[in-house]
Amino acid sequence: MRHPIDRLVSHYIHQWSMGIFHETIDEAVARHPELVSYGQYAMQLQPYLETFGRDAVLPVFFDRLVSEPQAELERVCQFIGYNGKAEWKADLAPSNVSSQRIKRFPLYSIVIETDPAIWVRRTFLPQSLRNWVKSKLTIRNRPKLSDEIQAGLEVTFNQDLEKLGNCLGIELNCKNFKHITSSTNLNWTVR
């Protein structure tokens, strides 16, 4: 689980780059309720917890994975019953980076992904021109929610995070989310 507002912004960028969203982030929040509901973790997890029980669901947080990747990987492996040696590969280059996603357009797969198109671009187009085109098809600055939309989202997410926090035995909200989830190994409390 990632900070719900960061997750929402990332989701928006993904949908924008796929050519699904064409509106601003504020407009997208109003038109696409899944942007909000996917970040309501207590609501999303409730059916799984009810069906399978807390012992079958491991709470994993993005910020903990960033702050303690090896330990968190080992915790996940232990949970799923993997007994081999788990090793976090810290030297791998980042992938799926929002700011590097190129916006899809008609004929994208033919122009961008085919071997002949790649050969033509690399053979005949200077790197500076290719970089210029890429810059026109990527989000240069992370979209920023308006203060009004941000405040409304915080109210919505805080209500859900309070429920999630109750299940984890902690106080959890948008303001403390990153600090709590990066510095603490969180598990469900016993009911």
N, C-alpha and C. Protein backbone atom coordinates (compact mmCIF):
# COMPACT_ATOMS: atom_id res chain seq x y z
N MET A 1 0.85 -1.17 0.00
CA MET A 1 0.00 0.00 0.00
C MET A 1 0.89 1.23 0.00
N ARG A 2 0.51 2.17 -0.81
CA ARG A 2 1.25 3.41 -0.97
C ARG A 2 0.40 4.55 -0.44
N HIS A 3 1.02 5.69 -0.10
CA HIS A 3 0.23 6.82 0.35
C HIS A 3 -0.89 7.01 -0.67
N PRO A 4 -2.15 7.08 -0.22
CA PRO A 4 -3.26 7.06 -1.17
C PRO A 4 -3.27 8.21 -2.17
N ILE A 5 -2.77 9.37 -1.80
CA ILE A 5 -2.74 10.48 -2.76
C ILE A 5 -1.62 10.27 -3.76
N ASP A 6 -0.47 9.79 -3.32
CA ASP A 6 0.61 9.46 -4.26
C ASP A 6 0.17 8.38 -5.23
N ARG A 7 -0.57 7.38 -4.71
CA ARG A 7 -1.07 6.30 -5.56
C ARG A 7 -2.03 6.86 -6.60
N LEU A 8 -2.91 7.76 -6.18
CA LEU A 8 -3.88 8.37 -7.08
C LEU A 8 -3.17 9.13 -8.21
N VAL A 9 -2.18 9.93 -7.86
CA VAL A 9 -1.44 10.70 -8.87
C VAL A 9 -0.73 9.76 -9.84
N SER A 10 -0.11 8.71 -9.33
CA SER A 10 0.56 7.73 -10.19
C SER A 10 -0.44 7.04 -11.12
N HIS A 11 -1.59 6.68 -10.58
CA HIS A 11 -2.65 6.05 -11.37
C HIS A 11 -3.09 7.00 -12.49
N TYR A 12 -3.28 8.27 -12.17
CA TYR A 12 -3.66 9.27 -13.17
C TYR A 12 -2.60 9.34 -14.28
N ILE A 13 -1.32 9.43 -13.90
CA ILE A 13 -0.25 9.52 -14.90
C ILE A 13 -0.26 8.28 -15.79
N HIS A 14 -0.45 7.12 -15.20
CA HIS A 14 -0.50 5.89 -16.00
C HIS A 14 -1.64 5.95 -17.02
N GLN A 15 -2.82 6.32 -16.55
CA GLN A 15 -3.98 6.39 -17.46
C GLN A 15 -3.79 7.47 -18.52
N TRP A 16 -3.17 8.59 -18.16
CA TRP A 16 -2.87 9.65 -19.12
C TRP A 16 -1.90 9.14 -20.18
N SER A 17 -0.85 8.47 -19.73
CA SER A 17 0.15 7.98 -20.69
C SER A 17 -0.40 6.90 -21.60
N MET A 18 -1.41 6.16 -21.13
CA MET A 18 -2.03 5.14 -21.96
C MET A 18 -3.08 5.74 -22.91
N GLY A 19 -3.30 7.05 -22.82
CA GLY A 19 -4.27 7.71 -23.68
C GLY A 19 -5.71 7.52 -23.23
N ILE A 20 -5.91 7.08 -21.98
CA ILE A 20 -7.26 6.85 -21.46
C ILE A 20 -7.81 8.13 -20.85
N PHE A 21 -7.00 8.84 -20.08
CA PHE A 21 -7.41 10.12 -19.50
C PHE A 21 -6.86 11.24 -20.36
N HIS A 22 -7.72 12.22 -20.64
CA HIS A 22 -7.30 13.38 -21.42
C HIS A 22 -7.50 14.67 -20.64
N GLU A 23 -8.17 14.57 -19.50
CA GLU A 23 -8.50 15.73 -18.70
C GLU A 23 -7.43 16.01 -17.64
N THR A 24 -7.55 17.15 -16.96
CA THR A 24 -6.63 17.47 -15.87
C THR A 24 -6.85 16.48 -14.73
N ILE A 25 -5.92 16.45 -13.81
CA ILE A 25 -6.04 15.53 -12.68
C ILE A 25 -7.27 15.85 -11.84
N ASP A 26 -7.58 17.13 -11.62
CA ASP A 26 -8.77 17.48 -10.84
C ASP A 26 -10.04 17.00 -11.54
N GLU A 27 -10.10 17.18 -12.85
CA GLU A 27 -11.27 16.71 -13.60
C GLU A 27 -11.36 15.19 -13.56
N ALA A 28 -10.22 14.53 -13.63
CA ALA A 28 -10.20 13.06 -13.60
C ALA A 28 -10.71 12.54 -12.26
N VAL A 29 -10.35 13.19 -11.16
CA VAL A 29 -10.83 12.77 -9.84
C VAL A 29 -12.36 12.82 -9.81
N ALA A 30 -12.92 13.87 -10.41
CA ALA A 30 -14.38 14.02 -10.42
C ALA A 30 -15.06 13.00 -11.33
N ARG A 31 -14.41 12.63 -12.43
CA ARG A 31 -15.04 11.75 -13.43
C ARG A 31 -14.75 10.27 -13.25
N HIS A 32 -13.70 9.95 -12.54
CA HIS A 32 -13.26 8.54 -12.44
C HIS A 32 -13.14 8.14 -10.98
N PRO A 33 -14.22 7.64 -10.38
CA PRO A 33 -14.20 7.32 -8.94
C PRO A 33 -13.17 6.26 -8.56
N GLU A 34 -12.73 5.46 -9.51
CA GLU A 34 -11.73 4.44 -9.18
C GLU A 34 -10.41 5.07 -8.74
N LEU A 35 -10.12 6.28 -9.18
CA LEU A 35 -8.91 6.95 -8.72
C LEU A 35 -8.89 7.07 -7.20
N VAL A 36 -10.06 7.30 -6.62
CA VAL A 36 -10.18 7.42 -5.17
C VAL A 36 -10.37 6.04 -4.53
N SER A 37 -11.27 5.26 -5.05
CA SER A 37 -11.61 4.00 -4.37
C SER A 37 -10.44 3.02 -4.32
N TYR A 38 -9.56 3.02 -5.31
CA TYR A 38 -8.42 2.11 -5.26
C TYR A 38 -7.46 2.46 -4.13
N GLY A 39 -7.49 3.68 -3.63
CA GLY A 39 -6.65 4.09 -2.52
C GLY A 39 -7.32 3.97 -1.17
N GLN A 40 -8.54 3.48 -1.14
CA GLN A 40 -9.24 3.25 0.11
C GLN A 40 -8.95 1.80 0.52
N TYR A 41 -7.83 1.62 1.17
CA TYR A 41 -7.29 0.29 1.42
C TYR A 41 -8.14 -0.54 2.37
N ALA A 42 -8.69 0.07 3.41
CA ALA A 42 -9.54 -0.69 4.33
C ALA A 42 -10.74 -1.24 3.57
N MET A 43 -11.34 -0.38 2.73
CA MET A 43 -12.49 -0.82 1.94
C MET A 43 -12.08 -1.92 0.95
N GLN A 44 -10.93 -1.76 0.31
CA GLN A 44 -10.47 -2.74 -0.66
C GLN A 44 -10.13 -4.09 0.00
N LEU A 45 -9.54 -4.03 1.18
CA LEU A 45 -9.11 -5.26 1.85
C LEU A 45 -10.21 -5.99 2.60
N GLN A 46 -11.26 -5.30 2.98
CA GLN A 46 -12.31 -5.89 3.82
C GLN A 46 -12.84 -7.22 3.29
N PRO A 47 -13.21 -7.32 2.01
CA PRO A 47 -13.72 -8.62 1.52
C PRO A 47 -12.70 -9.76 1.65
N TYR A 48 -11.42 -9.45 1.45
CA TYR A 48 -10.38 -10.48 1.57
C TYR A 48 -10.20 -10.91 3.02
N LEU A 49 -10.21 -9.91 3.92
CA LEU A 49 -10.06 -10.23 5.33
C LEU A 49 -11.24 -11.04 5.84
N GLU A 50 -12.44 -10.70 5.39
CA GLU A 50 -13.64 -11.44 5.80
C GLU A 50 -13.65 -12.86 5.23
N THR A 51 -13.21 -12.99 3.99
CA THR A 51 -13.25 -14.29 3.31
C THR A 51 -12.12 -15.21 3.75
N PHE A 52 -10.91 -14.68 3.82
CA PHE A 52 -9.74 -15.52 4.05
C PHE A 52 -9.15 -15.38 5.45
N GLY A 53 -9.51 -14.33 6.17
CA GLY A 53 -8.97 -14.09 7.50
C GLY A 53 -7.67 -13.30 7.45
N ARG A 54 -7.36 -12.67 8.55
CA ARG A 54 -6.17 -11.82 8.62
C ARG A 54 -4.88 -12.61 8.46
N ASP A 55 -4.91 -13.87 8.87
CA ASP A 55 -3.69 -14.68 8.76
C ASP A 55 -3.30 -14.96 7.32
N ALA A 56 -4.23 -14.77 6.39
CA ALA A 56 -3.96 -15.05 4.98
C ALA A 56 -3.64 -13.79 4.16
N VAL A 57 -3.61 -12.63 4.82
CA VAL A 57 -3.36 -11.36 4.12
C VAL A 57 -2.22 -10.64 4.83
N LEU A 58 -1.17 -10.33 4.11
CA LEU A 58 -0.03 -9.64 4.69
C LEU A 58 -0.07 -8.16 4.30
N PRO A 59 -0.12 -7.26 5.27
CA PRO A 59 -0.07 -5.84 4.92
C PRO A 59 1.36 -5.43 4.55
N VAL A 60 1.54 -4.95 3.34
CA VAL A 60 2.85 -4.53 2.85
C VAL A 60 2.72 -3.08 2.40
N PHE A 61 3.67 -2.25 2.81
CA PHE A 61 3.61 -0.83 2.50
C PHE A 61 4.79 -0.40 1.65
N PHE A 62 4.49 0.40 0.65
CA PHE A 62 5.49 0.90 -0.29
C PHE A 62 6.67 1.56 0.43
N ASP A 63 6.38 2.45 1.38
CA ASP A 63 7.45 3.18 2.04
C ASP A 63 8.35 2.28 2.87
N ARG A 64 7.82 1.21 3.41
CA ARG A 64 8.64 0.24 4.14
C ARG A 64 9.51 -0.53 3.16
N LEU A 65 8.97 -0.84 2.01
CA LEU A 65 9.75 -1.52 0.97
C LEU A 65 10.90 -0.64 0.50
N VAL A 66 10.68 0.67 0.45
CA VAL A 66 11.74 1.60 0.06
C VAL A 66 12.78 1.74 1.18
N SER A 67 12.32 1.86 2.42
CA SER A 67 13.25 2.11 3.53
C SER A 67 14.01 0.85 3.97
N GLU A 68 13.39 -0.31 3.88
CA GLU A 68 14.01 -1.57 4.33
C GLU A 68 13.73 -2.68 3.30
N PRO A 69 14.24 -2.52 2.08
CA PRO A 69 13.85 -3.47 1.02
C PRO A 69 14.21 -4.92 1.31
N GLN A 70 15.40 -5.18 1.79
CA GLN A 70 15.80 -6.57 2.04
C GLN A 70 14.95 -7.20 3.14
N ALA A 71 14.78 -6.49 4.23
CA ALA A 71 14.00 -7.03 5.35
C ALA A 71 12.54 -7.25 4.95
N GLU A 72 12.01 -6.32 4.18
CA GLU A 72 10.60 -6.46 3.77
C GLU A 72 10.43 -7.61 2.78
N LEU A 73 11.38 -7.76 1.87
CA LEU A 73 11.34 -8.89 0.94
C LEU A 73 11.39 -10.21 1.71
N GLU A 74 12.26 -10.30 2.70
CA GLU A 74 12.36 -11.51 3.51
C GLU A 74 11.05 -11.77 4.26
N ARG A 75 10.42 -10.72 4.76
CA ARG A 75 9.13 -10.86 5.46
C ARG A 75 8.06 -11.41 4.52
N VAL A 76 8.02 -10.89 3.30
CA VAL A 76 7.05 -11.38 2.31
C VAL A 76 7.33 -12.84 1.97
N CYS A 77 8.60 -13.16 1.75
CA CYS A 77 8.97 -14.55 1.43
C CYS A 77 8.58 -15.50 2.56
N GLN A 78 8.85 -15.11 3.78
CA GLN A 78 8.48 -15.94 4.93
C GLN A 78 6.96 -16.13 4.97
N PHE A 79 6.21 -15.08 4.70
CA PHE A 79 4.75 -15.14 4.73
C PHE A 79 4.21 -16.14 3.70
N ILE A 80 4.79 -16.13 2.51
CA ILE A 80 4.28 -17.02 1.46
C ILE A 80 4.89 -18.42 1.53
N GLY A 81 5.80 -18.63 2.49
CA GLY A 81 6.36 -19.97 2.67
C GLY A 81 7.58 -20.26 1.83
N TYR A 82 8.20 -19.23 1.27
CA TYR A 82 9.41 -19.43 0.48
C TYR A 82 10.59 -19.58 1.43
N ASN A 83 11.30 -20.68 1.33
CA ASN A 83 12.39 -20.96 2.25
C ASN A 83 13.77 -20.70 1.66
N GLY A 84 13.81 -20.34 0.39
CA GLY A 84 15.10 -20.05 -0.25
C GLY A 84 15.66 -18.71 0.22
N LYS A 85 16.83 -18.37 -0.30
CA LYS A 85 17.45 -17.10 0.05
C LYS A 85 16.85 -16.01 -0.83
N ALA A 86 16.27 -15.03 -0.19
CA ALA A 86 15.71 -13.88 -0.91
C ALA A 86 16.75 -12.78 -0.94
N GLU A 87 16.95 -12.20 -2.12
CA GLU A 87 17.95 -11.14 -2.23
C GLU A 87 17.38 -9.97 -3.03
N TRP A 88 17.32 -8.82 -2.38
CA TRP A 88 16.86 -7.59 -3.04
C TRP A 88 17.96 -7.12 -3.98
N LYS A 89 17.62 -6.86 -5.22
CA LYS A 89 18.59 -6.41 -6.22
C LYS A 89 18.59 -4.88 -6.27
N ALA A 90 19.42 -4.27 -5.46
CA ALA A 90 19.46 -2.81 -5.35
C ALA A 90 20.10 -2.15 -6.56
N ASP A 91 20.87 -2.90 -7.33
CA ASP A 91 21.59 -2.30 -8.45
C ASP A 91 20.80 -2.29 -9.76
N LEU A 92 19.56 -2.76 -9.74
CA LEU A 92 18.74 -2.74 -10.94
C LEU A 92 18.25 -1.33 -11.22
N ALA A 93 18.19 -0.96 -12.48
CA ALA A 93 17.68 0.36 -12.85
C ALA A 93 16.18 0.42 -12.58
N PRO A 94 15.68 1.59 -12.19
CA PRO A 94 14.24 1.73 -11.97
C PRO A 94 13.46 1.45 -13.26
N SER A 95 12.28 0.87 -13.10
CA SER A 95 11.40 0.65 -14.24
C SER A 95 10.02 1.16 -13.87
N ASN A 96 9.19 1.38 -14.86
CA ASN A 96 7.83 1.86 -14.64
C ASN A 96 7.84 3.23 -13.95
N VAL A 97 8.73 4.11 -14.38
CA VAL A 97 8.87 5.45 -13.81
C VAL A 97 7.90 6.38 -14.52
N SER A 98 7.01 6.99 -13.75
CA SER A 98 5.94 7.83 -14.32
C SER A 98 6.48 8.89 -15.26
N SER A 99 7.53 9.58 -14.86
CA SER A 99 8.04 10.69 -15.67
C SER A 99 8.68 10.23 -16.97
N GLN A 100 8.91 8.93 -17.13
CA GLN A 100 9.52 8.41 -18.35
C GLN A 100 8.50 7.78 -19.30
N ARG A 101 7.24 7.73 -18.89
CA ARG A 101 6.22 7.10 -19.73
C ARG A 101 5.88 8.00 -20.91
N ILE A 102 5.88 7.43 -22.07
CA ILE A 102 5.51 8.16 -23.28
C ILE A 102 4.02 7.97 -23.52
N LYS A 103 3.34 9.08 -23.78
CA LYS A 103 1.90 9.04 -24.00
C LYS A 103 1.59 8.26 -25.27
N ARG A 104 0.65 7.35 -25.15
CA ARG A 104 0.21 6.56 -26.30
C ARG A 104 -0.56 7.45 -27.27
N PHE A 105 -0.42 7.14 -28.52
CA PHE A 105 -1.12 7.88 -29.57
C PHE A 105 -1.50 6.87 -30.66
N PRO A 106 -2.40 7.27 -31.59
CA PRO A 106 -2.75 6.33 -32.66
C PRO A 106 -1.48 5.85 -33.38
N LEU A 107 -1.41 4.59 -33.66
CA LEU A 107 -0.27 3.92 -34.31
C LEU A 107 0.99 3.85 -33.44
N TYR A 108 0.84 4.09 -32.14
CA TYR A 108 1.98 4.06 -31.21
C TYR A 108 2.78 2.77 -31.36
N SER A 109 2.10 1.64 -31.31
CA SER A 109 2.83 0.37 -31.33
C SER A 109 3.62 0.19 -32.63
N ILE A 110 3.10 0.68 -33.74
CA ILE A 110 3.81 0.56 -35.02
C ILE A 110 5.00 1.52 -35.08
N VAL A 111 4.78 2.75 -34.65
CA VAL A 111 5.81 3.78 -34.75
C VAL A 111 6.90 3.63 -33.69
N ILE A 112 6.54 3.12 -32.52
CA ILE A 112 7.48 3.08 -31.40
C ILE A 112 8.04 1.68 -31.13
N GLU A 113 7.21 0.66 -31.22
CA GLU A 113 7.62 -0.65 -30.70
C GLU A 113 8.11 -1.65 -31.74
N THR A 114 7.93 -1.40 -33.01
CA THR A 114 8.36 -2.39 -34.01
C THR A 114 9.85 -2.26 -34.30
N ASP A 115 10.47 -3.36 -34.61
CA ASP A 115 11.91 -3.36 -34.90
C ASP A 115 12.28 -2.43 -36.06
N PRO A 116 11.52 -2.42 -37.18
CA PRO A 116 11.88 -1.49 -38.26
C PRO A 116 11.81 -0.02 -37.82
N ALA A 117 10.79 0.34 -37.04
CA ALA A 117 10.67 1.72 -36.59
C ALA A 117 11.81 2.09 -35.66
N ILE A 118 12.19 1.16 -34.80
CA ILE A 118 13.31 1.41 -33.90
C ILE A 118 14.59 1.62 -34.72
N TRP A 119 14.81 0.77 -35.71
CA TRP A 119 16.01 0.89 -36.55
C TRP A 119 16.03 2.23 -37.28
N VAL A 120 14.90 2.63 -37.85
CA VAL A 120 14.82 3.91 -38.58
C VAL A 120 15.13 5.06 -37.63
N ARG A 121 14.50 5.07 -36.46
CA ARG A 121 14.75 6.16 -35.50
C ARG A 121 16.21 6.23 -35.12
N ARG A 122 16.80 5.10 -34.77
CA ARG A 122 18.18 5.09 -34.30
C ARG A 122 19.19 5.38 -35.41
N THR A 123 18.82 5.04 -36.65
CA THR A 123 19.73 5.23 -37.78
C THR A 123 19.65 6.65 -38.34
N PHE A 124 18.46 7.19 -38.45
CA PHE A 124 18.29 8.45 -39.17
C PHE A 124 17.95 9.67 -38.32
N LEU A 125 17.53 9.46 -37.10
CA LEU A 125 17.13 10.60 -36.27
C LEU A 125 18.16 10.84 -35.17
N PRO A 126 18.70 12.03 -35.09
CA PRO A 126 19.68 12.30 -34.04
C PRO A 126 19.05 12.17 -32.64
N GLN A 127 19.87 11.80 -31.69
CA GLN A 127 19.40 11.63 -30.31
C GLN A 127 18.72 12.89 -29.80
N SER A 128 19.25 14.05 -30.14
CA SER A 128 18.65 15.30 -29.67
C SER A 128 17.21 15.45 -30.16
N LEU A 129 16.93 15.05 -31.39
CA LEU A 129 15.57 15.12 -31.93
C LEU A 129 14.68 14.09 -31.25
N ARG A 130 15.21 12.88 -31.04
CA ARG A 130 14.42 11.85 -30.35
C ARG A 130 14.09 12.29 -28.93
N ASN A 131 15.05 12.89 -28.24
CA ASN A 131 14.79 13.39 -26.89
C ASN A 131 13.74 14.51 -26.89
N TRP A 132 13.78 15.38 -27.89
CA TRP A 132 12.81 16.46 -27.99
C TRP A 132 11.40 15.89 -28.18
N VAL A 133 11.26 14.91 -29.06
CA VAL A 133 9.96 14.29 -29.28
C VAL A 133 9.46 13.62 -27.99
N LYS A 134 10.36 12.88 -27.32
CA LYS A 134 9.98 12.24 -26.06
C LYS A 134 9.50 13.27 -25.05
N SER A 135 10.18 14.41 -24.99
CA SER A 135 9.78 15.44 -24.01
C SER A 135 8.39 15.96 -24.28
N LYS A 136 7.95 15.95 -25.52
CA LYS A 136 6.61 16.40 -25.87
C LYS A 136 5.54 15.36 -25.54
N LEU A 137 5.95 14.12 -25.36
CA LEU A 137 5.01 13.03 -25.10
C LEU A 137 5.09 12.48 -23.68
N THR A 138 5.76 13.19 -22.79
CA THR A 138 5.83 12.77 -21.39
C THR A 138 5.33 13.89 -20.48
N ILE A 139 4.94 13.51 -19.29
CA ILE A 139 4.56 14.50 -18.29
C ILE A 139 5.85 15.00 -17.66
N ARG A 140 6.17 16.26 -17.88
CA ARG A 140 7.43 16.79 -17.35
C ARG A 140 7.34 17.04 -15.85
N ASN A 141 6.21 17.57 -15.41
CA ASN A 141 6.02 17.86 -13.99
C ASN A 141 4.88 17.02 -13.46
N ARG A 142 5.10 16.45 -12.31
CA ARG A 142 4.06 15.63 -11.68
C ARG A 142 2.80 16.48 -11.51
N PRO A 143 1.65 15.98 -11.93
CA PRO A 143 0.41 16.75 -11.79
C PRO A 143 0.14 17.10 -10.34
N LYS A 144 -0.36 18.29 -10.11
CA LYS A 144 -0.65 18.75 -8.75
C LYS A 144 -2.15 18.96 -8.61
N LEU A 145 -2.68 18.37 -7.56
CA LEU A 145 -4.10 18.55 -7.25
C LEU A 145 -4.34 19.96 -6.73
N SER A 146 -5.50 20.51 -7.02
CA SER A 146 -5.85 21.81 -6.44
C SER A 146 -5.99 21.64 -4.93
N ASP A 147 -5.84 22.74 -4.21
CA ASP A 147 -5.95 22.69 -2.75
C ASP A 147 -7.31 22.15 -2.31
N GLU A 148 -8.36 22.54 -3.03
CA GLU A 148 -9.72 22.10 -2.68
C GLU A 148 -9.87 20.59 -2.87
N ILE A 149 -9.44 20.08 -3.99
CA ILE A 149 -9.53 18.64 -4.26
C ILE A 149 -8.64 17.87 -3.27
N GLN A 150 -7.44 18.36 -3.04
CA GLN A 150 -6.52 17.71 -2.10
C GLN A 150 -7.16 17.60 -0.72
N ALA A 151 -7.76 18.69 -0.25
CA ALA A 151 -8.38 18.69 1.08
C ALA A 151 -9.53 17.68 1.14
N GLY A 152 -10.35 17.62 0.10
CA GLY A 152 -11.46 16.66 0.06
C GLY A 152 -10.96 15.23 0.05
N LEU A 153 -9.90 14.99 -0.70
CA LEU A 153 -9.32 13.64 -0.75
C LEU A 153 -8.76 13.25 0.62
N GLU A 154 -8.12 14.18 1.29
CA GLU A 154 -7.57 13.86 2.60
C GLU A 154 -8.67 13.47 3.58
N VAL A 155 -9.82 14.14 3.52
CA VAL A 155 -10.94 13.77 4.38
C VAL A 155 -11.39 12.34 4.08
N THR A 156 -11.58 12.05 2.79
CA THR A 156 -12.01 10.71 2.37
C THR A 156 -10.99 9.65 2.76
N PHE A 157 -9.73 9.90 2.45
CA PHE A 157 -8.70 8.90 2.74
C PHE A 157 -8.47 8.77 4.25
N ASN A 158 -8.56 9.85 4.99
CA ASN A 158 -8.37 9.75 6.44
C ASN A 158 -9.43 8.88 7.10
N GLN A 159 -10.66 8.94 6.59
CA GLN A 159 -11.72 8.07 7.14
C GLN A 159 -11.36 6.61 6.91
N ASP A 160 -10.88 6.30 5.73
CA ASP A 160 -10.50 4.93 5.42
C ASP A 160 -9.24 4.52 6.18
N LEU A 161 -8.26 5.43 6.26
CA LEU A 161 -7.02 5.11 6.96
C LEU A 161 -7.24 4.91 8.45
N GLU A 162 -8.24 5.57 9.00
CA GLU A 162 -8.57 5.34 10.41
C GLU A 162 -9.00 3.88 10.61
N LYS A 163 -9.82 3.38 9.69
CA LYS A 163 -10.25 1.97 9.77
C LYS A 163 -9.07 1.03 9.58
N LEU A 164 -8.22 1.34 8.61
CA LEU A 164 -7.04 0.51 8.38
C LEU A 164 -6.14 0.53 9.61
N GLY A 165 -5.94 1.73 10.15
CA GLY A 165 -5.12 1.86 11.35
C GLY A 165 -5.67 1.06 12.52
N ASN A 166 -6.99 1.04 12.67
CA ASN A 166 -7.60 0.24 13.74
C ASN A 166 -7.27 -1.24 13.58
N CYS A 167 -7.25 -1.71 12.35
CA CYS A 167 -6.90 -3.12 12.09
C CYS A 167 -5.42 -3.40 12.38
N LEU A 168 -4.60 -2.34 12.28
CA LEU A 168 -3.17 -2.49 12.51
C LEU A 168 -2.75 -2.08 13.91
N GLY A 169 -3.70 -1.55 14.69
CA GLY A 169 -3.41 -1.14 16.05
C GLY A 169 -2.62 0.16 16.14
N ILE A 170 -2.79 1.04 15.16
CA ILE A 170 -2.07 2.32 15.15
C ILE A 170 -3.01 3.42 14.70
N GLU A 171 -2.59 4.66 14.92
CA GLU A 171 -3.31 5.80 14.35
C GLU A 171 -2.67 6.08 13.00
N LEU A 172 -3.48 6.08 11.96
CA LEU A 172 -2.97 6.25 10.61
C LEU A 172 -3.81 7.29 9.89
N ASN A 173 -3.15 8.24 9.24
CA ASN A 173 -3.83 9.27 8.45
C ASN A 173 -2.89 9.76 7.35
N CYS A 174 -3.38 10.63 6.50
CA CYS A 174 -2.57 11.12 5.38
C CYS A 174 -1.30 11.82 5.84
N LYS A 175 -1.37 12.53 6.95
CA LYS A 175 -0.20 13.29 7.42
C LYS A 175 0.92 12.38 7.96
N ASN A 176 0.56 11.31 8.66
CA ASN A 176 1.59 10.47 9.26
C ASN A 176 1.87 9.18 8.47
N PHE A 177 1.16 8.97 7.37
CA PHE A 177 1.22 7.71 6.63
C PHE A 177 2.65 7.32 6.27
N LYS A 178 3.39 8.21 5.62
CA LYS A 178 4.73 7.85 5.15
C LYS A 178 5.68 7.57 6.31
N HIS A 179 5.60 8.37 7.35
CA HIS A 179 6.47 8.17 8.50
C HIS A 179 6.18 6.82 9.17
N ILE A 180 4.91 6.58 9.44
CA ILE A 180 4.52 5.33 10.12
C ILE A 180 4.85 4.11 9.26
N THR A 181 4.48 4.16 7.99
CA THR A 181 4.64 2.96 7.16
C THR A 181 6.08 2.72 6.74
N SER A 182 6.94 3.72 6.80
CA SER A 182 8.35 3.50 6.45
C SER A 182 9.17 3.04 7.65
N SER A 183 8.75 3.42 8.84
CA SER A 183 9.58 3.17 10.02
C SER A 183 9.11 2.00 10.88
N THR A 184 7.96 1.46 10.57
CA THR A 184 7.38 0.42 11.43
C THR A 184 6.99 -0.79 10.60
N ASN A 185 7.29 -1.97 11.12
CA ASN A 185 6.85 -3.20 10.48
C ASN A 185 5.42 -3.47 10.97
N LEU A 186 4.45 -3.31 10.11
CA LEU A 186 3.05 -3.36 10.52
C LEU A 186 2.40 -4.70 10.22
N ASN A 187 1.65 -5.18 11.20
CA ASN A 187 0.87 -6.41 11.05
C ASN A 187 -0.49 -6.20 11.68
N TRP A 188 -1.42 -7.05 11.33
CA TRP A 188 -2.78 -6.95 11.87
C TRP A 188 -2.77 -7.19 13.37
N THR A 189 -3.61 -6.49 14.08
CA THR A 189 -3.75 -6.74 15.51
C THR A 189 -4.73 -7.89 15.69
N VAL A 190 -4.64 -8.56 16.81
CA VAL A 190 -5.54 -9.67 17.11
C VAL A 190 -6.84 -9.10 17.61
N ARG A 191 -7.95 -9.61 17.10
CA ARG A 191 -9.26 -9.15 17.55
C ARG A 191 -9.71 -9.93 18.73
